[in-house]
Protein backbone atom coordinates (compact mmCIF):
# COMPACT_ATOMS: atom_id res chain seq x y z
CA UNK A 1 99.24 4.38 -17.34
CA UNK A 2 99.65 7.43 -19.64
CA UNK A 3 100.70 6.91 -23.24
CA UNK A 4 104.10 8.10 -24.35
CA UNK A 5 104.35 10.03 -27.62
CA UNK A 6 107.97 10.02 -28.74
CA UNK A 7 109.93 11.27 -25.72
CA UNK A 8 107.04 13.28 -24.24
CA UNK A 9 104.23 11.94 -22.12
CA UNK A 10 100.71 12.34 -23.49
CA UNK A 11 98.63 14.88 -21.58
CA UNK A 12 94.92 14.58 -21.00
CA UNK A 13 92.39 17.29 -20.23
CA UNK A 14 91.37 17.29 -16.56
CA UNK A 15 87.85 18.37 -17.55
CA UNK A 16 86.84 16.23 -20.57
CA UNK A 17 89.62 13.58 -20.30
CA UNK A 18 90.50 13.86 -24.01
CA UNK A 19 94.08 13.98 -25.28
CA UNK A 20 95.45 17.54 -25.35
CA UNK A 21 96.37 18.31 -28.95
CA UNK A 22 98.90 21.01 -29.94
CA UNK A 23 97.47 24.50 -30.50
CA UNK A 24 97.84 26.33 -33.83
CA UNK A 25 101.18 27.71 -32.64
CA UNK A 26 102.45 24.24 -31.72
CA UNK A 27 102.06 24.52 -27.93
CA UNK A 28 101.00 21.14 -26.55
CA UNK A 29 101.21 21.91 -22.83
CA UNK A 30 97.51 22.64 -22.35
CA UNK A 31 96.00 25.47 -20.34
CA UNK A 32 95.49 26.03 -16.64
CA UNK A 33 92.06 24.68 -15.72
CA UNK A 34 91.64 27.05 -12.76
CA UNK A 35 89.09 27.90 -11.41
CA UNK A 36 87.35 24.72 -12.64
CA UNK A 37 90.04 22.45 -11.12
CA UNK A 38 93.79 22.42 -10.43
CA UNK A 39 94.79 20.46 -13.54
CA UNK A 40 95.41 21.33 -17.17
CA UNK A 41 92.81 21.43 -19.92
CA UNK A 42 92.47 21.30 -23.68
CA UNK A 43 91.84 24.36 -25.84
CA UNK A 44 88.15 23.53 -26.25
CA UNK A 45 87.47 23.31 -22.52
CA UNK A 46 89.59 26.40 -21.96
CA UNK A 47 87.42 28.45 -24.34
CA UNK A 48 84.05 26.96 -23.39
CA UNK A 49 84.42 26.49 -19.61
CA UNK A 50 87.57 27.95 -18.05
CA UNK A 51 87.68 31.42 -19.65
CA UNK A 52 83.99 32.13 -18.87
CA UNK A 53 84.53 30.96 -15.27
CA UNK A 54 87.59 33.21 -14.97
CA UNK A 55 85.58 36.16 -16.29
CA UNK A 56 82.73 35.51 -13.83
CA UNK A 57 85.26 35.27 -11.01
CA UNK A 58 86.94 38.53 -12.08
CA UNK A 59 83.71 40.52 -12.38
CA UNK A 60 82.43 39.15 -9.07
CA UNK A 61 85.64 40.37 -7.41
CA UNK A 62 85.08 43.86 -8.87
CA UNK A 63 81.70 44.19 -7.15
CA UNK A 64 83.16 43.70 -3.68
């Protein structure tokens, strides 16, 4: 069962399964993990896995 932090439910990255920590601006909602999966992800996975996958997907669509 997920942990509860105050009145909000803890969110975990759907890629690395670590707790999603707030970003520098305070946003703690995570990032879309698409196209890796349909969940949400942490900032680290977003930068290292999701954004590169999105770029590959975009450039592949431009070749068609």
